[in-house]
Amino acid sequence: PEEQETHKVMVQDYSIPESWVKKRVSKAKERMGKSDAGKIVWAGMEA
C-alpha cells in the first residue's frame, strides 16, 4: 500500500557535468596511486 503513491516532480536531468566528473575522478586516482593501500581501494572502485 505505501508504494502506491506517485512522486510528481518536474522532470529534469539531475546529473553532474562530465568535465566535473573527469576532474574529480582524475584527482582521486592520482591521490590513491601514491600508496599501496590507495591502489587497493582504487582497484576496488574499478571492480
ModelCIF file with pLDDT and N, C-alpha, C, O atoms, coordinates in Angstrom:
data_MODEL
#
_entry.id   MODEL 
#
_entity.id                         1 
_entity.type                       polymer 
_entity.pdbx_number_of_molecules   1 
#
_entity_poly.entity_id                      1 
_entity_poly.type                           'polypeptide(L)' 
_entity_poly.nstd_linkage                   no 
_entity_poly.nstd_monomer                   no 
_entity_poly.pdbx_seq_one_letter_code       PEEQETHKVMVQDYSIPESWVKKRVSKAKERMGKSDAGKIVWAGMEA 
_entity_poly.pdbx_seq_one_letter_code_can   PEEQETHKVMVQDYSIPESWVKKRVSKAKERMGKSDAGKIVWAGMEA 
_entity_poly.pdbx_strand_id                 A 
#
loop_
_entity_poly_seq.entity_id 
_entity_poly_seq.num 
_entity_poly_seq.mon_id 
_entity_poly_seq.hetero 
1 1  PRO n 
1 2  GLU n 
1 3  GLU n 
1 4  GLN n 
1 5  GLU n 
1 6  THR n 
1 7  HIS n 
1 8  LYS n 
1 9  VAL n 
1 10 MET n 
1 11 VAL n 
1 12 GLN n 
1 13 ASP n 
1 14 TYR n 
1 15 SER n 
1 16 ILE n 
1 17 PRO n 
1 18 GLU n 
1 19 SER n 
1 20 TRP n 
1 21 VAL n 
1 22 LYS n 
1 23 LYS n 
1 24 ARG n 
1 25 VAL n 
1 26 SER n 
1 27 LYS n 
1 28 ALA n 
1 29 LYS n 
1 30 GLU n 
1 31 ARG n 
1 32 MET n 
1 33 GLY n 
1 34 LYS n 
1 35 SER n 
1 36 ASP n 
1 37 ALA n 
1 38 GLY n 
1 39 LYS n 
1 40 ILE n 
1 41 VAL n 
1 42 TRP n 
1 43 ALA n 
1 44 GLY n 
1 45 MET n 
1 46 GLU n 
1 47 ALA n 
#
_struct_asym.id          A 
_struct_asym.entity_id   1 
#
loop_
_ma_qa_metric.id 
_ma_qa_metric.mode 
_ma_qa_metric.name 
_ma_qa_metric.software_group_id 
_ma_qa_metric.type 
1 global pLDDT . pLDDT 
2 local  pLDDT . pLDDT 
#
_ma_qa_metric_global.metric_id      1 
_ma_qa_metric_global.metric_value   79.66 
_ma_qa_metric_global.model_id       1 
_ma_qa_metric_global.ordinal_id     1 
#
loop_
_ma_qa_metric_local.label_asym_id 
_ma_qa_metric_local.label_comp_id 
_ma_qa_metric_local.label_seq_id 
_ma_qa_metric_local.metric_id 
_ma_qa_metric_local.metric_value 
_ma_qa_metric_local.model_id 
_ma_qa_metric_local.ordinal_id 
A PRO 1  2 33.00 1 1  
A GLU 2  2 37.00 1 2  
A GLU 3  2 36.00 1 3  
A GLN 4  2 31.00 1 4  
A GLU 5  2 34.00 1 5  
A THR 6  2 31.00 1 6  
A HIS 7  2 35.00 1 7  
A LYS 8  2 36.00 1 8  
A VAL 9  2 36.00 1 9  
A MET 10 2 36.00 1 10 
A VAL 11 2 41.00 1 11 
A GLN 12 2 54.00 1 12 
A ASP 13 2 65.00 1 13 
A TYR 14 2 74.00 1 14 
A SER 15 2 76.00 1 15 
A ILE 16 2 85.00 1 16 
A PRO 17 2 91.00 1 17 
A GLU 18 2 93.00 1 18 
A SER 19 2 95.00 1 19 
A TRP 20 2 95.00 1 20 
A VAL 21 2 96.00 1 21 
A LYS 22 2 97.00 1 22 
A LYS 23 2 97.00 1 23 
A ARG 24 2 97.00 1 24 
A VAL 25 2 98.00 1 25 
A SER 26 2 98.00 1 26 
A LYS 27 2 97.00 1 27 
A ALA 28 2 97.00 1 28 
A LYS 29 2 97.00 1 29 
A GLU 30 2 97.00 1 30 
A ARG 31 2 96.00 1 31 
A MET 32 2 97.00 1 32 
A GLY 33 2 97.00 1 33 
A LYS 34 2 96.00 1 34 
A SER 35 2 97.00 1 35 
A ASP 36 2 98.00 1 36 
A ALA 37 2 98.00 1 37 
A GLY 38 2 98.00 1 38 
A LYS 39 2 98.00 1 39 
A ILE 40 2 98.00 1 40 
A VAL 41 2 98.00 1 41 
A TRP 42 2 98.00 1 42 
A ALA 43 2 98.00 1 43 
A GLY 44 2 98.00 1 44 
A MET 45 2 98.00 1 45 
A GLU 46 2 98.00 1 46 
A ALA 47 2 98.00 1 47 
#
loop_
_atom_site.group_PDB 
_atom_site.id 
_atom_site.type_symbol 
_atom_site.label_atom_id 
_atom_site.label_alt_id 
_atom_site.label_comp_id 
_atom_site.label_asym_id 
_atom_site.label_entity_id 
_atom_site.label_seq_id 
_atom_site.pdbx_PDB_ins_code 
_atom_site.Cartn_x 
_atom_site.Cartn_y 
_atom_site.Cartn_z 
_atom_site.occupancy 
_atom_site.B_iso_or_equiv 
_atom_site.pdbx_formal_charge 
_atom_site.auth_seq_id 
_atom_site.auth_comp_id 
_atom_site.auth_asym_id 
_atom_site.auth_atom_id 
_atom_site.pdbx_PDB_model_num 
ATOM 1   N N  . PRO A 1 1  ? 0.800  -1.223 0.000   1.00 33.00 ? 1  PRO A N  1 
ATOM 2   C CA . PRO A 1 1  ? 0.000  0.000  0.000   1.00 33.00 ? 1  PRO A CA 1 
ATOM 3   C C  . PRO A 1 1  ? 0.835  1.276  0.000   1.00 33.00 ? 1  PRO A C  1 
ATOM 4   O O  . PRO A 1 1  ? 0.494  2.236  -0.691  1.00 33.00 ? 1  PRO A O  1 
ATOM 5   N N  . GLU A 1 2  ? 1.949  1.298  0.786   1.00 37.00 ? 2  GLU A N  1 
ATOM 6   C CA . GLU A 1 2  ? 2.714  2.523  0.875   1.00 37.00 ? 2  GLU A CA 1 
ATOM 7   C C  . GLU A 1 2  ? 3.514  2.808  -0.377  1.00 37.00 ? 2  GLU A C  1 
ATOM 8   O O  . GLU A 1 2  ? 4.139  3.864  -0.477  1.00 37.00 ? 2  GLU A O  1 
ATOM 9   N N  . GLU A 1 3  ? 3.511  1.902  -1.329  1.00 36.00 ? 3  GLU A N  1 
ATOM 10  C CA . GLU A 1 3  ? 4.271  2.100  -2.540  1.00 36.00 ? 3  GLU A CA 1 
ATOM 11  C C  . GLU A 1 3  ? 3.374  2.504  -3.711  1.00 36.00 ? 3  GLU A C  1 
ATOM 12  O O  . GLU A 1 3  ? 3.811  2.476  -4.861  1.00 36.00 ? 3  GLU A O  1 
ATOM 13  N N  . GLN A 1 4  ? 2.156  2.870  -3.436  1.00 31.00 ? 4  GLN A N  1 
ATOM 14  C CA . GLN A 1 4  ? 1.213  3.179  -4.488  1.00 31.00 ? 4  GLN A CA 1 
ATOM 15  C C  . GLN A 1 4  ? 1.244  4.637  -4.935  1.00 31.00 ? 4  GLN A C  1 
ATOM 16  O O  . GLN A 1 4  ? 0.866  4.949  -6.065  1.00 31.00 ? 4  GLN A O  1 
ATOM 17  N N  . GLU A 1 5  ? 1.693  5.531  -4.052  1.00 34.00 ? 5  GLU A N  1 
ATOM 18  C CA . GLU A 1 5  ? 1.617  6.946  -4.364  1.00 34.00 ? 5  GLU A CA 1 
ATOM 19  C C  . GLU A 1 5  ? 2.692  7.342  -5.362  1.00 34.00 ? 5  GLU A C  1 
ATOM 20  O O  . GLU A 1 5  ? 3.762  6.737  -5.412  1.00 34.00 ? 5  GLU A O  1 
ATOM 21  N N  . THR A 1 6  ? 2.398  8.354  -6.148  1.00 31.00 ? 6  THR A N  1 
ATOM 22  C CA . THR A 1 6  ? 3.358  8.785  -7.158  1.00 31.00 ? 6  THR A CA 1 
ATOM 23  C C  . THR A 1 6  ? 4.103  10.018 -6.710  1.00 31.00 ? 6  THR A C  1 
ATOM 24  O O  . THR A 1 6  ? 3.557  10.884 -6.028  1.00 31.00 ? 6  THR A O  1 
ATOM 25  N N  . HIS A 1 7  ? 5.351  10.083 -7.101  1.00 35.00 ? 7  HIS A N  1 
ATOM 26  C CA . HIS A 1 7  ? 6.196  11.222 -6.772  1.00 35.00 ? 7  HIS A CA 1 
ATOM 27  C C  . HIS A 1 7  ? 6.182  12.150 -7.978  1.00 35.00 ? 7  HIS A C  1 
ATOM 28  O O  . HIS A 1 7  ? 6.815  11.850 -8.990  1.00 35.00 ? 7  HIS A O  1 
ATOM 29  N N  . LYS A 1 8  ? 5.474  13.269 -7.890  1.00 36.00 ? 8  LYS A N  1 
ATOM 30  C CA . LYS A 1 8  ? 5.293  14.153 -9.025  1.00 36.00 ? 8  LYS A CA 1 
ATOM 31  C C  . LYS A 1 8  ? 6.250  15.338 -8.932  1.00 36.00 ? 8  LYS A C  1 
ATOM 32  O O  . LYS A 1 8  ? 6.081  16.222 -8.092  1.00 36.00 ? 8  LYS A O  1 
ATOM 33  N N  . VAL A 1 9  ? 7.244  15.345 -9.793  1.00 36.00 ? 9  VAL A N  1 
ATOM 34  C CA . VAL A 1 9  ? 8.201  16.436 -9.826  1.00 36.00 ? 9  VAL A CA 1 
ATOM 35  C C  . VAL A 1 9  ? 8.464  16.814 -11.274 1.00 36.00 ? 9  VAL A C  1 
ATOM 36  O O  . VAL A 1 9  ? 8.215  16.030 -12.189 1.00 36.00 ? 9  VAL A O  1 
ATOM 37  N N  . MET A 1 10 ? 8.967  18.014 -11.466 1.00 36.00 ? 10 MET A N  1 
ATOM 38  C CA . MET A 1 10 ? 9.346  18.442 -12.798 1.00 36.00 ? 10 MET A CA 1 
ATOM 39  C C  . MET A 1 10 ? 10.508 17.584 -13.276 1.00 36.00 ? 10 MET A C  1 
ATOM 40  O O  . MET A 1 10 ? 11.496 17.436 -12.557 1.00 36.00 ? 10 MET A O  1 
ATOM 41  N N  . VAL A 1 11 ? 10.411 17.021 -14.462 1.00 41.00 ? 11 VAL A N  1 
ATOM 42  C CA . VAL A 1 11 ? 11.463 16.159 -14.968 1.00 41.00 ? 11 VAL A CA 1 
ATOM 43  C C  . VAL A 1 11 ? 12.635 17.015 -15.444 1.00 41.00 ? 11 VAL A C  1 
ATOM 44  O O  . VAL A 1 11 ? 12.493 17.851 -16.336 1.00 41.00 ? 11 VAL A O  1 
ATOM 45  N N  . GLN A 1 12 ? 13.775 16.793 -14.837 1.00 54.00 ? 12 GLN A N  1 
ATOM 46  C CA . GLN A 1 12 ? 14.998 17.446 -15.245 1.00 54.00 ? 12 GLN A CA 1 
ATOM 47  C C  . GLN A 1 12 ? 16.118 16.423 -15.229 1.00 54.00 ? 12 GLN A C  1 
ATOM 48  O O  . GLN A 1 12 ? 15.967 15.331 -14.681 1.00 54.00 ? 12 GLN A O  1 
ATOM 49  N N  . ASP A 1 13 ? 17.240 16.780 -15.831 1.00 65.00 ? 13 ASP A N  1 
ATOM 50  C CA . ASP A 1 13 ? 18.386 15.883 -15.845 1.00 65.00 ? 13 ASP A CA 1 
ATOM 51  C C  . ASP A 1 13 ? 19.274 16.214 -14.659 1.00 65.00 ? 13 ASP A C  1 
ATOM 52  O O  . ASP A 1 13 ? 20.163 17.059 -14.759 1.00 65.00 ? 13 ASP A O  1 
ATOM 53  N N  . TYR A 1 14 ? 19.033 15.544 -13.531 1.00 74.00 ? 14 TYR A N  1 
ATOM 54  C CA . TYR A 1 14 ? 19.806 15.810 -12.319 1.00 74.00 ? 14 TYR A CA 1 
ATOM 55  C C  . TYR A 1 14 ? 21.109 15.018 -12.400 1.00 74.00 ? 14 TYR A C  1 
ATOM 56  O O  . TYR A 1 14 ? 21.229 13.931 -11.834 1.00 74.00 ? 14 TYR A O  1 
ATOM 57  N N  . SER A 1 15 ? 22.062 15.575 -13.101 1.00 76.00 ? 15 SER A N  1 
ATOM 58  C CA . SER A 1 15 ? 23.329 14.889 -13.269 1.00 76.00 ? 15 SER A CA 1 
ATOM 59  C C  . SER A 1 15 ? 24.465 15.892 -13.157 1.00 76.00 ? 15 SER A C  1 
ATOM 60  O O  . SER A 1 15 ? 24.238 17.101 -13.144 1.00 76.00 ? 15 SER A O  1 
ATOM 61  N N  . ILE A 1 16 ? 25.675 15.387 -13.076 1.00 85.00 ? 16 ILE A N  1 
ATOM 62  C CA . ILE A 1 16 ? 26.863 16.206 -12.916 1.00 85.00 ? 16 ILE A CA 1 
ATOM 63  C C  . ILE A 1 16 ? 27.544 16.361 -14.273 1.00 85.00 ? 16 ILE A C  1 
ATOM 64  O O  . ILE A 1 16 ? 27.668 15.379 -15.005 1.00 85.00 ? 16 ILE A O  1 
ATOM 65  N N  . PRO A 1 17 ? 27.988 17.563 -14.629 1.00 91.00 ? 17 PRO A N  1 
ATOM 66  C CA . PRO A 1 17 ? 28.683 17.741 -15.909 1.00 91.00 ? 17 PRO A CA 1 
ATOM 67  C C  . PRO A 1 17 ? 29.855 16.781 -16.059 1.00 91.00 ? 17 PRO A C  1 
ATOM 68  O O  . PRO A 1 17 ? 30.606 16.548 -15.111 1.00 91.00 ? 17 PRO A O  1 
ATOM 69  N N  . GLU A 1 18 ? 30.003 16.233 -17.248 1.00 93.00 ? 18 GLU A N  1 
ATOM 70  C CA . GLU A 1 18 ? 31.047 15.242 -17.495 1.00 93.00 ? 18 GLU A CA 1 
ATOM 71  C C  . GLU A 1 18 ? 32.439 15.763 -17.167 1.00 93.00 ? 18 GLU A C  1 
ATOM 72  O O  . GLU A 1 18 ? 33.279 15.024 -16.654 1.00 93.00 ? 18 GLU A O  1 
ATOM 73  N N  . SER A 1 19 ? 32.681 17.039 -17.465 1.00 95.00 ? 19 SER A N  1 
ATOM 74  C CA . SER A 1 19 ? 34.003 17.611 -17.192 1.00 95.00 ? 19 SER A CA 1 
ATOM 75  C C  . SER A 1 19 ? 34.309 17.638 -15.698 1.00 95.00 ? 19 SER A C  1 
ATOM 76  O O  . SER A 1 19 ? 35.450 17.431 -15.285 1.00 95.00 ? 19 SER A O  1 
ATOM 77  N N  . TRP A 1 20 ? 33.263 17.900 -14.879 1.00 95.00 ? 20 TRP A N  1 
ATOM 78  C CA . TRP A 1 20 ? 33.439 17.895 -13.427 1.00 95.00 ? 20 TRP A CA 1 
ATOM 79  C C  . TRP A 1 20 ? 33.798 16.501 -12.931 1.00 95.00 ? 20 TRP A C  1 
ATOM 80  O O  . TRP A 1 20 ? 34.700 16.331 -12.111 1.00 95.00 ? 20 TRP A O  1 
ATOM 81  N N  . VAL A 1 21 ? 33.075 15.505 -13.441 1.00 96.00 ? 21 VAL A N  1 
ATOM 82  C CA . VAL A 1 21 ? 33.316 14.125 -13.033 1.00 96.00 ? 21 VAL A CA 1 
ATOM 83  C C  . VAL A 1 21 ? 34.736 13.712 -13.378 1.00 96.00 ? 21 VAL A C  1 
ATOM 84  O O  . VAL A 1 21 ? 35.438 13.140 -12.544 1.00 96.00 ? 21 VAL A O  1 
ATOM 85  N N  . LYS A 1 22 ? 35.162 13.998 -14.599 1.00 97.00 ? 22 LYS A N  1 
ATOM 86  C CA . LYS A 1 22 ? 36.506 13.607 -15.030 1.00 97.00 ? 22 LYS A CA 1 
ATOM 87  C C  . LYS A 1 22 ? 37.571 14.234 -14.147 1.00 97.00 ? 22 LYS A C  1 
ATOM 88  O O  . LYS A 1 22 ? 38.553 13.585 -13.787 1.00 97.00 ? 22 LYS A O  1 
ATOM 89  N N  . LYS A 1 23 ? 37.372 15.502 -13.798 1.00 97.00 ? 23 LYS A N  1 
ATOM 90  C CA . LYS A 1 23 ? 38.355 16.180 -12.959 1.00 97.00 ? 23 LYS A CA 1 
ATOM 91  C C  . LYS A 1 23 ? 38.423 15.565 -11.569 1.00 97.00 ? 23 LYS A C  1 
ATOM 92  O O  . LYS A 1 23 ? 39.508 15.333 -11.036 1.00 97.00 ? 23 LYS A O  1 
ATOM 93  N N  . ARG A 1 24 ? 37.274 15.304 -10.993 1.00 97.00 ? 24 ARG A N  1 
ATOM 94  C CA . ARG A 1 24 ? 37.253 14.737 -9.635  1.00 97.00 ? 24 ARG A CA 1 
ATOM 95  C C  . ARG A 1 24 ? 37.804 13.324 -9.622  1.00 97.00 ? 24 ARG A C  1 
ATOM 96  O O  . ARG A 1 24 ? 38.545 12.956 -8.710  1.00 97.00 ? 24 ARG A O  1 
ATOM 97  N N  . VAL A 1 25 ? 37.449 12.522 -10.629 1.00 98.00 ? 25 VAL A N  1 
ATOM 98  C CA . VAL A 1 25 ? 37.939 11.151 -10.710 1.00 98.00 ? 25 VAL A CA 1 
ATOM 99  C C  . VAL A 1 25 ? 39.443 11.144 -10.922 1.00 98.00 ? 25 VAL A C  1 
ATOM 100 O O  . VAL A 1 25 ? 40.153 10.331 -10.329 1.00 98.00 ? 25 VAL A O  1 
ATOM 101 N N  . SER A 1 26 ? 39.932 12.046 -11.764 1.00 98.00 ? 26 SER A N  1 
ATOM 102 C CA . SER A 1 26 ? 41.370 12.126 -12.019 1.00 98.00 ? 26 SER A CA 1 
ATOM 103 C C  . SER A 1 26 ? 42.147 12.457 -10.752 1.00 98.00 ? 26 SER A C  1 
ATOM 104 O O  . SER A 1 26 ? 43.199 11.875 -10.490 1.00 98.00 ? 26 SER A O  1 
ATOM 105 N N  . LYS A 1 27 ? 41.625 13.391 -9.970  1.00 97.00 ? 27 LYS A N  1 
ATOM 106 C CA . LYS A 1 27 ? 42.285 13.755 -8.713  1.00 97.00 ? 27 LYS A CA 1 
ATOM 107 C C  . LYS A 1 27 ? 42.302 12.583 -7.741  1.00 97.00 ? 27 LYS A C  1 
ATOM 108 O O  . LYS A 1 27 ? 43.306 12.332 -7.073  1.00 97.00 ? 27 LYS A O  1 
ATOM 109 N N  . ALA A 1 28 ? 41.177 11.862 -7.668  1.00 97.00 ? 28 ALA A N  1 
ATOM 110 C CA . ALA A 1 28 ? 41.097 10.714 -6.761  1.00 97.00 ? 28 ALA A CA 1 
ATOM 111 C C  . ALA A 1 28 ? 42.079 9.629  -7.183  1.00 97.00 ? 28 ALA A C  1 
ATOM 112 O O  . ALA A 1 28 ? 42.763 9.044  -6.342  1.00 97.00 ? 28 ALA A O  1 
ATOM 113 N N  . LYS A 1 29 ? 42.151 9.362  -8.469  1.00 97.00 ? 29 LYS A N  1 
ATOM 114 C CA . LYS A 1 29 ? 43.060 8.320  -8.970  1.00 97.00 ? 29 LYS A CA 1 
ATOM 115 C C  . LYS A 1 29 ? 44.509 8.689  -8.675  1.00 97.00 ? 29 LYS A C  1 
ATOM 116 O O  . LYS A 1 29 ? 45.302 7.844  -8.258  1.00 97.00 ? 29 LYS A O  1 
ATOM 117 N N  . GLU A 1 30 ? 44.846 9.955  -8.895  1.00 97.00 ? 30 GLU A N  1 
ATOM 118 C CA . GLU A 1 30 ? 46.210 10.403 -8.620  1.00 97.00 ? 30 GLU A CA 1 
ATOM 119 C C  . GLU A 1 30 ? 46.539 10.273 -7.135  1.00 97.00 ? 30 GLU A C  1 
ATOM 120 O O  . GLU A 1 30 ? 47.616 9.802  -6.771  1.00 97.00 ? 30 GLU A O  1 
ATOM 121 N N  . ARG A 1 31 ? 45.615 10.689 -6.292  1.00 96.00 ? 31 ARG A N  1 
ATOM 122 C CA . ARG A 1 31 ? 45.841 10.638 -4.852  1.00 96.00 ? 31 ARG A CA 1 
ATOM 123 C C  . ARG A 1 31 ? 46.004 9.198  -4.371  1.00 96.00 ? 31 ARG A C  1 
ATOM 124 O O  . ARG A 1 31 ? 46.902 8.907  -3.580  1.00 96.00 ? 31 ARG A O  1 
ATOM 125 N N  . MET A 1 32 ? 45.147 8.300  -4.841  1.00 97.00 ? 32 MET A N  1 
ATOM 126 C CA . MET A 1 32 ? 45.203 6.911  -4.391  1.00 97.00 ? 32 MET A CA 1 
ATOM 127 C C  . MET A 1 32 ? 46.381 6.152  -4.979  1.00 97.00 ? 32 MET A C  1 
ATOM 128 O O  . MET A 1 32 ? 46.838 5.164  -4.404  1.00 97.00 ? 32 MET A O  1 
ATOM 129 N N  . GLY A 1 33 ? 46.871 6.610  -6.118  1.00 97.00 ? 33 GLY A N  1 
ATOM 130 C CA . GLY A 1 33 ? 48.004 5.934  -6.732  1.00 97.00 ? 33 GLY A CA 1 
ATOM 131 C C  . GLY A 1 33 ? 49.314 6.152  -6.018  1.00 97.00 ? 33 GLY A C  1 
ATOM 132 O O  . GLY A 1 33 ? 50.331 5.568  -6.392  1.00 97.00 ? 33 GLY A O  1 
ATOM 133 N N  . LYS A 1 34 ? 49.305 6.990  -4.989  1.00 96.00 ? 34 LYS A N  1 
ATOM 134 C CA . LYS A 1 34 ? 50.539 7.295  -4.273  1.00 96.00 ? 34 LYS A CA 1 
ATOM 135 C C  . LYS A 1 34 ? 50.868 6.302  -3.161  1.00 96.00 ? 34 LYS A C  1 
ATOM 136 O O  . LYS A 1 34 ? 51.944 6.371  -2.567  1.00 96.00 ? 34 LYS A O  1 
ATOM 137 N N  . SER A 1 35 ? 49.953 5.384  -2.877  1.00 97.00 ? 35 SER A N  1 
ATOM 138 C CA . SER A 1 35 ? 50.221 4.403  -1.816  1.00 97.00 ? 35 SER A CA 1 
ATOM 139 C C  . SER A 1 35 ? 49.669 3.039  -2.205  1.00 97.00 ? 35 SER A C  1 
ATOM 140 O O  . SER A 1 35 ? 48.751 2.943  -3.019  1.00 97.00 ? 35 SER A O  1 
ATOM 141 N N  . ASP A 1 36 ? 50.232 1.987  -1.621  1.00 98.00 ? 36 ASP A N  1 
ATOM 142 C CA . ASP A 1 36 ? 49.739 0.634  -1.892  1.00 98.00 ? 36 ASP A CA 1 
ATOM 143 C C  . ASP A 1 36 ? 48.306 0.474  -1.409  1.00 98.00 ? 36 ASP A C  1 
ATOM 144 O O  . ASP A 1 36 ? 47.492 -0.182 -2.058  1.00 98.00 ? 36 ASP A O  1 
ATOM 145 N N  . ALA A 1 37 ? 48.002 1.080  -0.263  1.00 98.00 ? 37 ALA A N  1 
ATOM 146 C CA . ALA A 1 37 ? 46.635 0.991  0.257   1.00 98.00 ? 37 ALA A CA 1 
ATOM 147 C C  . ALA A 1 37 ? 45.671 1.694  -0.690  1.00 98.00 ? 37 ALA A C  1 
ATOM 148 O O  . ALA A 1 37 ? 44.586 1.184  -0.969  1.00 98.00 ? 37 ALA A O  1 
ATOM 149 N N  . GLY A 1 38 ? 46.067 2.864  -1.183  1.00 98.00 ? 38 GLY A N  1 
ATOM 150 C CA . GLY A 1 38 ? 45.224 3.595  -2.116  1.00 98.00 ? 38 GLY A CA 1 
ATOM 151 C C  . GLY A 1 38 ? 44.999 2.837  -3.409  1.00 98.00 ? 38 GLY A C  1 
ATOM 152 O O  . GLY A 1 38 ? 43.904 2.883  -3.970  1.00 98.00 ? 38 GLY A O  1 
ATOM 153 N N  . LYS A 1 39 ? 46.013 2.144  -3.890  1.00 98.00 ? 39 LYS A N  1 
ATOM 154 C CA . LYS A 1 39 ? 45.883 1.366  -5.122  1.00 98.00 ? 39 LYS A CA 1 
ATOM 155 C C  . LYS A 1 39 ? 44.879 0.238  -4.953  1.00 98.00 ? 39 LYS A C  1 
ATOM 156 O O  . LYS A 1 39 ? 44.152 -0.097 -5.888  1.00 98.00 ? 39 LYS A O  1 
ATOM 157 N N  . ILE A 1 40 ? 44.839 -0.348 -3.761  1.00 98.00 ? 40 ILE A N  1 
ATOM 158 C CA . ILE A 1 40 ? 43.873 -1.416 -3.496  1.00 98.00 ? 40 ILE A CA 1 
ATOM 159 C C  . ILE A 1 40 ? 42.451 -0.865 -3.488  1.00 98.00 ? 40 ILE A C  1 
ATOM 160 O O  . ILE A 1 40 ? 41.544 -1.471 -4.059  1.00 98.00 ? 40 ILE A O  1 
ATOM 161 N N  . VAL A 1 41 ? 42.256 0.286  -2.838  1.00 98.00 ? 41 VAL A N  1 
ATOM 162 C CA . VAL A 1 41 ? 40.924 0.889  -2.803  1.00 98.00 ? 41 VAL A CA 1 
ATOM 163 C C  . VAL A 1 41 ? 40.496 1.305  -4.210  1.00 98.00 ? 41 VAL A C  1 
ATOM 164 O O  . VAL A 1 41 ? 39.337 1.125  -4.584  1.00 98.00 ? 41 VAL A O  1 
ATOM 165 N N  . TRP A 1 42 ? 41.418 1.856  -4.982  1.00 98.00 ? 42 TRP A N  1 
ATOM 166 C CA . TRP A 1 42 ? 41.093 2.243  -6.358  1.00 98.00 ? 42 TRP A CA 1 
ATOM 167 C C  . TRP A 1 42 ? 40.707 1.019  -7.188  1.00 98.00 ? 42 TRP A C  1 
ATOM 168 O O  . TRP A 1 42 ? 39.754 1.073  -7.965  1.00 98.00 ? 42 TRP A O  1 
ATOM 169 N N  . ALA A 1 43 ? 41.444 -0.086 -7.025  1.00 98.00 ? 43 ALA A N  1 
ATOM 170 C CA . ALA A 1 43 ? 41.110 -1.323 -7.743  1.00 98.00 ? 43 ALA A CA 1 
ATOM 171 C C  . ALA A 1 43 ? 39.722 -1.801 -7.342  1.00 98.00 ? 43 ALA A C  1 
ATOM 172 O O  . ALA A 1 43 ? 38.981 -2.343 -8.162  1.00 98.00 ? 43 ALA A O  1 
ATOM 173 N N  . GLY A 1 44 ? 39.372 -1.594 -6.062  1.00 98.00 ? 44 GLY A N  1 
ATOM 174 C CA . GLY A 1 44 ? 38.035 -1.952 -5.603  1.00 98.00 ? 44 GLY A CA 1 
ATOM 175 C C  . GLY A 1 44 ? 36.979 -1.100 -6.283  1.00 98.00 ? 44 GLY A C  1 
ATOM 176 O O  . GLY A 1 44 ? 35.942 -1.615 -6.702  1.00 98.00 ? 44 GLY A O  1 
ATOM 177 N N  . MET A 1 45 ? 37.228 0.196  -6.397  1.00 98.00 ? 45 MET A N  1 
ATOM 178 C CA . MET A 1 45 ? 36.288 1.082  -7.084  1.00 98.00 ? 45 MET A CA 1 
ATOM 179 C C  . MET A 1 45 ? 36.094 0.647  -8.532  1.00 98.00 ? 45 MET A C  1 
ATOM 180 O O  . MET A 1 45 ? 34.969 0.612  -9.031  1.00 98.00 ? 45 MET A O  1 
ATOM 181 N N  . GLU A 1 46 ? 37.179 0.320  -9.191  1.00 98.00 ? 46 GLU A N  1 
ATOM 182 C CA . GLU A 1 46 ? 37.094 -0.124 -10.572 1.00 98.00 ? 46 GLU A CA 1 
ATOM 183 C C  . GLU A 1 46 ? 36.303 -1.428 -10.680 1.00 98.00 ? 46 GLU A C  1 
ATOM 184 O O  . GLU A 1 46 ? 35.485 -1.587 -11.586 1.00 98.00 ? 46 GLU A O  1 
ATOM 185 N N  . ALA A 1 47 ? 36.547 -2.357 -9.760  1.00 98.00 ? 47 ALA A N  1 
ATOM 186 C CA . ALA A 1 47 ? 35.843 -3.644 -9.787  1.00 98.00 ? 47 ALA A CA 1 
ATOM 187 C C  . ALA A 1 47 ? 34.348 -3.472 -9.552  1.00 98.00 ? 47 ALA A C  1 
ATOM 188 O O  . ALA A 1 47 ? 33.608 -4.456 -9.542  1.00 98.00 ? 47 ALA A O  1 
#
